[in-house]
Amino acid sequence: MPRRLFAPTAAAALLLLSATGCVKEISSDERLDRETQNLSAKDTPGAAELEKISCDDANEALTKARNVNRPETDRLVDYIELYSSLRKRTATFEEAMNRNPDLSYREGTQHLVAAKDNCIQQTADVRVEFETYMRELVDVPTVQEIKGGNTVTIARLDFNTLRQAIETLEPDDKEVLLNRVNAAEKRVAPSAAKEATPASGGSRKRGR
């Protein structure tokens, strides 16, 4: 009788050891990779989310930024906000479609591909115009104004906004451009150092 009880007990123990060995075959790194992949797939926007993204409104915002009758600081802020928004929308499209290629090739998603291409083109076009304007301001960041019979150098726009524009665009010569802005700021009359635009009244001309 004792021998009959021993056999199944040993078999159960062997089965338990075998099962435990199978669990250990999956390392902690592999488990982390699986969890990360699942999380990434879950967080990636699907077709329904991409349907809500469009860059068709870029022209309206661009027209506002181009308005030469507005203060240059305000125009630069508009360029910063528009370019940042377009870049974010483009990145959302590209990330979603890279992680889920079906979104690019599945029947019925051609309009999503077209929307992504439109965002890419709009982002590139706005960047060219935005950077051209930024460099113009860096080249001539100050103006000279006659006050009380004296000529003083004042800021053409808010220097911090100009720095933000450079940081947003991140051109290859970013540090050079930032140094030029810093140098221009030191030339500005102390009383006008924080002025975003030339003061009204008086005779003024652009300086360097």
Protein backbone atom coordinates (compact mmCIF):
# COMPACT_ATOMS: atom_id res chain seq x y z
CA MET A 1 0.00 0.00 0.00
CA PRO A 2 2.71 2.59 0.83
CA ARG A 3 4.38 1.95 -2.52
CA ARG A 4 1.14 2.78 -4.38
CA LEU A 5 0.87 6.14 -2.57
CA PHE A 6 4.49 7.01 -3.30
CA ALA A 7 4.29 6.70 -7.07
CA PRO A 8 1.71 9.40 -7.77
CA THR A 9 3.33 11.70 -5.21
CA ALA A 10 6.65 11.49 -7.01
CA ALA A 11 4.96 12.04 -10.34
CA ALA A 12 3.23 15.15 -9.03
CA ALA A 13 6.52 16.52 -7.75
CA LEU A 14 8.17 15.87 -11.09
CA LEU A 15 5.34 17.60 -12.89
CA LEU A 16 5.65 20.62 -10.58
CA LEU A 17 9.38 20.88 -11.18
CA SER A 18 8.85 20.62 -14.92
CA ALA A 19 6.22 23.35 -14.91
CA THR A 20 8.45 25.59 -12.81
CA GLY A 21 11.25 25.11 -15.27
CA CYS A 22 9.02 26.22 -18.14
CA VAL A 23 8.17 29.49 -16.38
CA LYS A 24 11.83 30.32 -15.85
CA GLU A 25 12.50 30.09 -19.58
CA ILE A 26 11.10 33.65 -19.97
CA SER A 27 13.67 36.10 -18.62
CA SER A 28 12.80 39.38 -16.93
CA ASP A 29 14.22 41.28 -19.94
CA GLU A 30 11.99 39.37 -22.33
CA ARG A 31 8.98 40.01 -20.13
CA LEU A 32 9.83 43.73 -20.04
CA ASP A 33 10.15 43.81 -23.82
CA ARG A 34 6.71 42.23 -24.18
CA GLU A 35 5.13 44.70 -21.79
CA THR A 36 6.79 47.63 -23.57
CA GLN A 37 5.59 46.42 -26.96
CA ASN A 38 2.06 46.01 -25.66
CA LEU A 39 2.12 49.48 -24.13
CA SER A 40 3.50 51.05 -27.32
CA ALA A 41 0.83 49.39 -29.42
CA LYS A 42 -1.85 50.55 -27.02
CA ASP A 43 -0.62 54.17 -27.01
CA THR A 44 -0.20 54.41 -30.78
CA PRO A 45 -3.07 56.35 -32.39
CA GLY A 46 -5.32 54.26 -34.60
CA ALA A 47 -7.31 55.19 -37.70
CA ALA A 48 -10.08 56.79 -35.64
CA GLU A 49 -7.62 59.13 -33.91
CA LEU A 50 -5.81 59.99 -37.13
CA GLU A 51 -9.13 60.92 -38.73
CA LYS A 52 -9.23 63.92 -36.37
CA ILE A 53 -5.81 65.25 -37.46
CA SER A 54 -5.53 67.69 -40.35
CA CYS A 55 -3.11 70.38 -41.50
CA ASP A 56 -5.62 72.13 -43.76
CA ASP A 57 -5.78 75.09 -41.37
CA ALA A 58 -2.12 76.03 -41.92
CA ASN A 59 -2.81 78.63 -44.63
CA GLU A 60 -5.07 80.70 -42.40
CA ALA A 61 -2.49 80.82 -39.60
CA LEU A 62 0.28 81.51 -42.09
CA THR A 63 -1.57 84.49 -43.53
CA LYS A 64 -1.81 85.94 -40.04
CA ALA A 65 1.93 85.45 -39.42
CA ARG A 66 2.77 87.15 -42.74
CA ASN A 67 0.88 90.34 -41.89
CA VAL A 68 3.57 93.05 -41.97
CA ASN A 69 1.26 95.49 -40.18
CA ARG A 70 1.41 93.47 -36.97
CA PRO A 71 4.20 93.73 -34.35
CA GLU A 72 7.14 91.57 -35.29
CA THR A 73 7.16 89.81 -31.91
CA ASP A 74 3.55 88.74 -32.44
CA ARG A 75 4.30 87.53 -35.96
CA LEU A 76 7.24 85.49 -34.70
CA VAL A 77 5.09 83.91 -31.98
CA ASP A 78 2.58 82.90 -34.65
CA TYR A 79 5.33 81.25 -36.71
CA ILE A 80 6.60 79.40 -33.62
CA GLU A 81 3.16 78.11 -32.70
CA LEU A 82 2.21 77.13 -36.25
CA TYR A 83 5.45 75.31 -37.00
CA SER A 84 5.42 73.49 -33.65
CA SER A 85 1.83 72.39 -34.19
CA LEU A 86 2.48 71.14 -37.73
CA ARG A 87 5.58 69.27 -36.64
CA LYS A 88 3.65 67.58 -33.83
CA ARG A 89 0.82 66.53 -36.14
CA THR A 90 3.27 65.18 -38.71
CA ALA A 91 5.12 63.20 -36.05
CA THR A 92 1.83 61.67 -34.87
CA PHE A 93 1.02 60.46 -38.39
CA GLU A 94 4.50 59.07 -38.99
CA GLU A 95 4.75 57.28 -35.65
CA ALA A 96 1.32 55.68 -36.00
CA MET A 97 1.97 54.48 -39.54
CA ASN A 98 5.46 53.22 -38.77
CA ARG A 99 4.15 51.12 -35.91
CA ASN A 100 1.08 49.99 -37.81
CA PRO A 101 1.93 49.74 -41.54
CA ASP A 102 -1.64 48.60 -42.30
CA LEU A 103 -2.70 52.22 -41.85
CA SER A 104 -0.70 53.09 -44.97
CA TYR A 105 -1.69 50.18 -47.19
CA ARG A 106 -5.09 48.96 -46.06
CA GLU A 107 -8.02 49.68 -48.35
CA GLY A 108 -9.97 52.71 -47.25
CA THR A 109 -7.05 54.52 -45.57
CA GLN A 110 -5.76 56.38 -48.62
CA HIS A 111 -7.14 59.64 -47.22
CA LEU A 112 -5.00 59.18 -44.10
CA VAL A 113 -1.90 58.82 -46.25
CA ALA A 114 -2.90 61.96 -48.15
CA ALA A 115 -3.44 63.83 -44.87
CA LYS A 116 -0.01 62.74 -43.64
CA ASP A 117 1.66 63.84 -46.88
CA ASN A 118 -0.11 67.20 -46.65
CA CYS A 119 1.20 67.70 -43.11
CA ILE A 120 4.73 66.82 -44.19
CA GLN A 121 4.59 69.32 -47.05
CA GLN A 122 3.01 72.07 -44.95
CA THR A 123 5.61 71.59 -42.22
CA ALA A 124 8.46 71.84 -44.73
CA ASP A 125 7.02 74.93 -46.43
CA VAL A 126 6.34 76.74 -43.15
CA ARG A 127 9.81 75.92 -41.88
CA VAL A 128 11.43 77.59 -44.90
CA GLU A 129 9.36 80.75 -44.47
CA PHE A 130 9.72 80.76 -40.67
CA GLU A 131 13.50 80.34 -40.82
CA THR A 132 13.86 83.05 -43.47
CA TYR A 133 11.98 85.49 -41.24
CA MET A 134 13.94 84.46 -38.14
CA ARG A 135 17.27 85.03 -39.91
CA GLU A 136 16.10 88.43 -41.15
CA LEU A 137 15.41 89.42 -37.55
CA VAL A 138 18.76 88.09 -36.35
CA ASP A 139 20.51 90.08 -39.09
CA VAL A 140 18.75 93.30 -38.08
CA PRO A 141 17.52 92.87 -34.48
CA THR A 142 17.62 96.55 -33.48
CA VAL A 143 16.57 99.96 -34.75
CA GLN A 144 17.85 103.44 -33.99
CA GLU A 145 15.48 106.09 -32.75
CA ILE A 146 16.00 109.78 -32.07
CA LYS A 147 14.82 110.78 -28.61
CA GLY A 148 15.41 114.23 -27.20
CA GLY A 149 17.88 114.99 -29.93
CA ASN A 150 19.91 111.85 -29.20
CA THR A 151 20.10 108.67 -31.24
CA VAL A 152 19.48 105.51 -29.18
CA THR A 153 19.47 101.87 -30.15
CA ILE A 154 16.31 99.98 -29.24
CA ALA A 155 15.08 96.42 -29.78
CA ARG A 156 13.20 95.66 -32.95
CA LEU A 157 11.36 92.87 -31.12
CA ASP A 158 11.45 90.84 -27.91
CA PHE A 159 14.81 89.07 -27.78
CA ASN A 160 13.52 86.14 -25.72
CA THR A 161 10.96 85.40 -28.43
CA LEU A 162 13.72 85.51 -31.02
CA ARG A 163 15.74 83.04 -28.95
CA GLN A 164 12.70 80.79 -28.69
CA ALA A 165 12.34 80.84 -32.48
CA ILE A 166 15.96 79.76 -32.88
CA GLU A 167 15.53 76.97 -30.35
CA THR A 168 12.35 75.79 -32.07
CA LEU A 169 13.97 75.60 -35.50
CA GLU A 170 17.27 74.17 -34.20
CA PRO A 171 19.36 75.11 -37.26
CA ASP A 172 22.94 73.83 -37.56
CA ASP A 173 24.29 77.26 -36.62
CA LYS A 174 21.99 77.65 -33.62
CA GLU A 175 24.75 78.66 -31.19
CA VAL A 176 26.09 81.27 -33.60
CA LEU A 177 22.64 82.81 -34.00
CA LEU A 178 22.03 82.84 -30.24
CA ASN A 179 25.37 84.57 -29.68
CA ARG A 180 24.42 87.23 -32.22
CA VAL A 181 21.15 87.87 -30.40
CA ASN A 182 23.00 88.15 -27.08
CA ALA A 183 25.43 90.63 -28.61
CA ALA A 184 22.57 92.72 -30.02
CA GLU A 185 20.85 92.77 -26.65
CA LYS A 186 23.95 94.32 -25.08
CA ARG A 187 23.87 97.17 -27.59
CA VAL A 188 20.32 98.14 -26.71
CA ALA A 189 19.80 101.20 -24.54
CA PRO A 190 19.10 100.06 -20.94
CA SER A 191 15.77 101.87 -20.83
CA ALA A 192 14.62 100.11 -23.98
CA ALA A 193 16.08 96.65 -23.34
CA LYS A 194 12.68 95.07 -22.71
CA GLU A 195 10.78 96.73 -25.54
CA ALA A 196 9.30 94.26 -28.00
CA THR A 197 8.76 96.82 -30.78
CA PRO A 198 10.07 100.32 -31.53
CA ALA A 199 8.30 103.02 -29.59
CA SER A 200 5.86 105.23 -31.44
CA GLY A 201 6.89 108.72 -32.35
CA GLY A 202 10.29 110.11 -33.21
CA SER A 203 12.53 109.33 -36.13
CA ARG A 204 13.86 105.79 -36.34
CA LYS A 205 15.96 103.70 -38.65
CA ARG A 206 17.13 100.13 -38.59
CA GLY A 207 20.47 99.30 -37.09
CA ARG A 208 22.64 96.27 -36.53
